[in-house]
N, C-alpha and C. Protein backbone atom coordinates (compact mmCIF):
# COMPACT_ATOMS: atom_id res chain seq x y z
N UNK A 1 0.86 -1.19 0.00
CA UNK A 1 0.00 0.00 0.00
C UNK A 1 0.90 1.24 0.00
N UNK A 2 0.58 2.19 -0.86
CA UNK A 2 1.44 3.38 -0.92
C UNK A 2 1.06 4.38 0.17
N UNK A 3 1.90 5.37 0.32
CA UNK A 3 1.74 6.35 1.39
C UNK A 3 0.43 7.14 1.28
N UNK A 4 0.04 7.48 0.06
CA UNK A 4 -1.20 8.24 -0.14
C UNK A 4 -2.41 7.42 0.31
N UNK A 5 -2.43 6.13 -0.02
CA UNK A 5 -3.54 5.27 0.41
C UNK A 5 -3.58 5.12 1.92
N UNK A 6 -2.41 4.98 2.53
CA UNK A 6 -2.34 4.86 3.98
C UNK A 6 -2.88 6.12 4.65
N UNK A 7 -2.51 7.27 4.12
CA UNK A 7 -2.98 8.54 4.68
C UNK A 7 -4.50 8.65 4.53
N UNK A 8 -5.02 8.31 3.34
CA UNK A 8 -6.45 8.37 3.09
C UNK A 8 -7.19 7.44 4.05
N UNK A 9 -6.71 6.22 4.21
CA UNK A 9 -7.37 5.26 5.10
C UNK A 9 -7.30 5.70 6.56
N UNK A 10 -6.24 6.40 6.94
CA UNK A 10 -6.13 6.91 8.29
C UNK A 10 -7.13 8.04 8.53
N UNK A 11 -7.21 8.95 7.57
CA UNK A 11 -8.10 10.11 7.72
C UNK A 11 -9.57 9.77 7.53
N UNK A 12 -9.85 8.78 6.71
CA UNK A 12 -11.23 8.41 6.39
C UNK A 12 -11.46 6.92 6.59
N UNK A 13 -11.40 6.46 7.83
CA UNK A 13 -11.59 5.02 8.06
C UNK A 13 -13.01 4.60 7.70
N UNK A 14 -13.13 3.39 7.23
CA UNK A 14 -14.45 2.85 6.87
C UNK A 14 -14.65 1.56 7.65
N UNK A 15 -15.85 1.38 8.10
CA UNK A 15 -16.20 0.15 8.80
C UNK A 15 -16.95 -0.76 7.86
N UNK A 16 -16.81 -2.05 8.07
CA UNK A 16 -17.52 -3.03 7.26
C UNK A 16 -19.01 -2.95 7.57
N UNK A 17 -19.83 -3.18 6.54
CA UNK A 17 -21.28 -3.11 6.69
C UNK A 17 -21.83 -4.50 6.95
N UNK A 18 -22.63 -4.65 8.02
CA UNK A 18 -23.20 -5.93 8.39
C UNK A 18 -24.72 -5.97 8.29
N UNK A 19 -25.34 -4.89 7.83
CA UNK A 19 -26.80 -4.83 7.73
C UNK A 19 -27.33 -5.60 6.54
N UNK A 20 -28.63 -5.47 6.30
CA UNK A 20 -29.28 -6.13 5.17
C UNK A 20 -28.65 -5.62 3.87
N UNK A 21 -28.21 -6.56 3.04
CA UNK A 21 -27.52 -6.17 1.81
C UNK A 21 -28.51 -5.75 0.73
N UNK A 22 -28.52 -4.45 0.49
CA UNK A 22 -29.24 -3.85 -0.63
C UNK A 22 -28.36 -2.69 -1.07
N UNK A 23 -28.30 -2.41 -2.35
CA UNK A 23 -27.44 -1.31 -2.81
C UNK A 23 -27.74 0.01 -2.10
N UNK A 24 -29.04 0.30 -1.89
CA UNK A 24 -29.38 1.57 -1.24
C UNK A 24 -28.93 1.60 0.21
N UNK A 25 -28.95 0.46 0.89
CA UNK A 25 -28.48 0.41 2.28
C UNK A 25 -26.98 0.63 2.34
N UNK A 26 -26.25 0.03 1.41
CA UNK A 26 -24.80 0.22 1.36
C UNK A 26 -24.44 1.68 1.09
N UNK A 27 -25.14 2.29 0.16
CA UNK A 27 -24.88 3.69 -0.17
C UNK A 27 -25.20 4.59 1.01
N UNK A 28 -26.33 4.35 1.66
CA UNK A 28 -26.68 5.18 2.82
C UNK A 28 -25.67 4.98 3.94
N UNK A 29 -25.21 3.75 4.13
CA UNK A 29 -24.21 3.50 5.17
C UNK A 29 -22.93 4.28 4.89
N UNK A 30 -22.51 4.32 3.64
CA UNK A 30 -21.32 5.10 3.27
C UNK A 30 -21.55 6.58 3.57
N UNK A 31 -22.74 7.08 3.24
CA UNK A 31 -23.07 8.48 3.52
C UNK A 31 -23.11 8.75 5.02
N UNK A 32 -23.64 7.81 5.77
CA UNK A 32 -23.71 7.95 7.23
C UNK A 32 -22.32 7.96 7.84
N UNK A 33 -21.44 7.08 7.37
CA UNK A 33 -20.06 7.07 7.89
C UNK A 33 -19.35 8.38 7.57
N UNK A 34 -19.59 8.92 6.37
CA UNK A 34 -19.00 10.21 5.99
C UNK A 34 -19.52 11.31 6.92
N UNK A 35 -20.82 11.32 7.16
CA UNK A 35 -21.43 12.30 8.06
C UNK A 35 -20.78 12.23 9.44
N UNK A 36 -20.69 11.02 9.99
CA UNK A 36 -20.14 10.84 11.34
C UNK A 36 -18.69 11.31 11.41
N UNK A 37 -17.90 10.99 10.39
CA UNK A 37 -16.49 11.39 10.37
C UNK A 37 -16.36 12.90 10.32
N UNK A 38 -17.15 13.54 9.47
CA UNK A 38 -17.09 14.99 9.35
C UNK A 38 -17.56 15.69 10.63
N UNK A 39 -18.62 15.17 11.26
CA UNK A 39 -19.09 15.76 12.52
C UNK A 39 -17.99 15.65 13.57
N UNK A 40 -17.30 14.55 13.60
CA UNK A 40 -16.19 14.39 14.55
C UNK A 40 -15.11 15.44 14.30
N UNK A 41 -14.72 15.64 13.04
CA UNK A 41 -13.71 16.65 12.73
C UNK A 41 -14.18 18.05 13.12
N UNK A 42 -15.41 18.38 12.78
CA UNK A 42 -15.95 19.70 13.10
C UNK A 42 -15.99 19.91 14.61
N UNK A 43 -16.43 18.91 15.33
CA UNK A 43 -16.49 19.00 16.79
C UNK A 43 -15.10 19.24 17.37
N UNK A 44 -14.11 18.53 16.85
CA UNK A 44 -12.75 18.71 17.34
C UNK A 44 -12.20 20.09 17.00
N UNK A 45 -12.52 20.59 15.82
CA UNK A 45 -12.09 21.95 15.46
C UNK A 45 -12.72 22.99 16.37
N UNK A 46 -13.99 22.82 16.68
CA UNK A 46 -14.67 23.76 17.56
C UNK A 46 -14.10 23.66 18.98
N UNK A 47 -13.89 22.45 19.46
CA UNK A 47 -13.33 22.24 20.80
C UNK A 47 -11.94 22.86 20.90
N UNK A 48 -11.17 22.76 19.82
CA UNK A 48 -9.82 23.31 19.81
C UNK A 48 -9.76 24.80 19.53
N UNK A 49 -10.91 25.43 19.37
CA UNK A 49 -10.94 26.87 19.15
C UNK A 49 -10.59 27.30 17.73
N UNK A 50 -10.57 26.37 16.80
CA UNK A 50 -10.21 26.69 15.41
C UNK A 50 -11.40 27.25 14.62
N UNK A 51 -12.62 26.89 15.02
CA UNK A 51 -13.82 27.45 14.43
C UNK A 51 -14.79 27.80 15.54
N UNK A 52 -15.69 28.71 15.26
CA UNK A 52 -16.65 29.15 16.28
C UNK A 52 -17.77 28.12 16.44
N UNK A 53 -18.48 28.18 17.57
CA UNK A 53 -19.64 27.29 17.74
C UNK A 53 -20.67 27.49 16.62
N UNK A 54 -20.86 28.73 16.18
CA UNK A 54 -21.82 29.01 15.11
C UNK A 54 -21.39 28.36 13.80
N UNK A 55 -20.09 28.46 13.47
CA UNK A 55 -19.57 27.81 12.26
C UNK A 55 -19.77 26.30 12.34
N UNK A 56 -19.47 25.73 13.49
CA UNK A 56 -19.64 24.28 13.68
C UNK A 56 -21.09 23.89 13.49
N UNK A 57 -21.98 24.64 14.11
CA UNK A 57 -23.41 24.36 14.00
C UNK A 57 -23.86 24.40 12.54
N UNK A 58 -23.49 25.46 11.84
CA UNK A 58 -23.93 25.62 10.46
C UNK A 58 -23.39 24.52 9.55
N UNK A 59 -22.14 24.14 9.76
CA UNK A 59 -21.55 23.08 8.95
C UNK A 59 -22.24 21.73 9.22
N UNK A 60 -22.50 21.44 10.49
CA UNK A 60 -23.17 20.19 10.83
C UNK A 60 -24.61 20.21 10.31
N UNK A 61 -25.26 21.34 10.39
CA UNK A 61 -26.62 21.47 9.86
C UNK A 61 -26.64 21.19 8.35
N UNK A 62 -25.65 21.70 7.64
CA UNK A 62 -25.53 21.46 6.20
C UNK A 62 -25.31 19.96 5.93
N UNK A 63 -24.41 19.34 6.68
CA UNK A 63 -24.15 17.91 6.51
C UNK A 63 -25.40 17.08 6.80
N UNK A 64 -26.16 17.50 7.83
CA UNK A 64 -27.39 16.79 8.18
C UNK A 64 -28.40 16.85 7.04
N UNK A 65 -28.53 18.03 6.42
CA UNK A 65 -29.45 18.18 5.30
C UNK A 65 -29.03 17.28 4.14
N UNK A 66 -27.73 17.16 3.90
CA UNK A 66 -27.24 16.27 2.85
C UNK A 66 -27.58 14.81 3.17
N UNK A 67 -27.38 14.41 4.42
CA UNK A 67 -27.67 13.04 4.83
C UNK A 67 -29.17 12.76 4.71
N UNK A 68 -29.98 13.69 5.15
CA UNK A 68 -31.43 13.55 5.07
C UNK A 68 -31.89 13.43 3.62
N UNK A 69 -31.30 14.24 2.74
CA UNK A 69 -31.65 14.17 1.32
C UNK A 69 -31.25 12.83 0.72
N UNK A 70 -30.09 12.31 1.12
CA UNK A 70 -29.66 11.02 0.58
C UNK A 70 -30.59 9.91 1.06
N UNK A 71 -31.07 10.01 2.28
CA UNK A 71 -32.02 9.02 2.82
C UNK A 71 -33.29 9.02 1.97
N UNK A 72 -33.77 10.21 1.68
CA UNK A 72 -35.00 10.34 0.89
C UNK A 72 -34.79 9.82 -0.54
N UNK A 73 -33.68 10.23 -1.17
CA UNK A 73 -33.39 9.82 -2.54
C UNK A 73 -33.23 8.30 -2.66
N UNK A 74 -32.65 7.68 -1.64
CA UNK A 74 -32.42 6.24 -1.66
C UNK A 74 -33.65 5.44 -1.22
N UNK A 75 -34.65 6.13 -0.70
CA UNK A 75 -35.88 5.46 -0.27
C UNK A 75 -35.71 4.66 1.01
N UNK A 76 -34.77 5.06 1.84
CA UNK A 76 -34.53 4.36 3.10
C UNK A 76 -35.69 4.63 4.06
N UNK A 77 -36.28 3.57 4.61
CA UNK A 77 -37.36 3.70 5.57
C UNK A 77 -38.73 3.88 4.95
N UNK A 78 -38.81 3.96 3.64
CA UNK A 78 -40.07 4.19 2.95
C UNK A 78 -41.08 3.08 3.23
N UNK A 79 -40.63 1.83 3.15
CA UNK A 79 -41.54 0.69 3.33
C UNK A 79 -42.11 0.65 4.74
N UNK A 80 -41.32 1.02 5.72
CA UNK A 80 -41.81 0.99 7.10
C UNK A 80 -42.89 2.04 7.33
N UNK A 81 -42.78 3.17 6.66
CA UNK A 81 -43.76 4.23 6.83
C UNK A 81 -45.10 3.86 6.19
N UNK A 82 -45.06 3.01 5.16
CA UNK A 82 -46.28 2.61 4.48
C UNK A 82 -46.87 1.33 5.06
N UNK A 83 -46.32 0.84 6.17
CA UNK A 83 -46.82 -0.36 6.80
C UNK A 83 -46.35 -1.64 6.12
N UNK A 84 -45.37 -1.51 5.23
CA UNK A 84 -44.81 -2.69 4.56
C UNK A 84 -43.49 -3.06 5.20
N UNK A 85 -43.03 -4.29 4.93
CA UNK A 85 -41.70 -4.76 5.34
C UNK A 85 -41.49 -4.64 6.75
């Protein structure tokens, strides 16, 4: 493994997916892991005084909207709301 791959894997670790295998579930899981990683970075930047609480809030709010949109686009949870599955 080259140095660039090692750095990428260190900065953006991924966990194996053990849920029900469907393409949309895998995609949402990847989006969720990205969201969690970014929230962690933002939280650490705010804690370290590198960004303001307002900046942290706005960035996390933006990430949340992206995650929510991906959930809707992928149809995650749709069947449960209609009394199916």
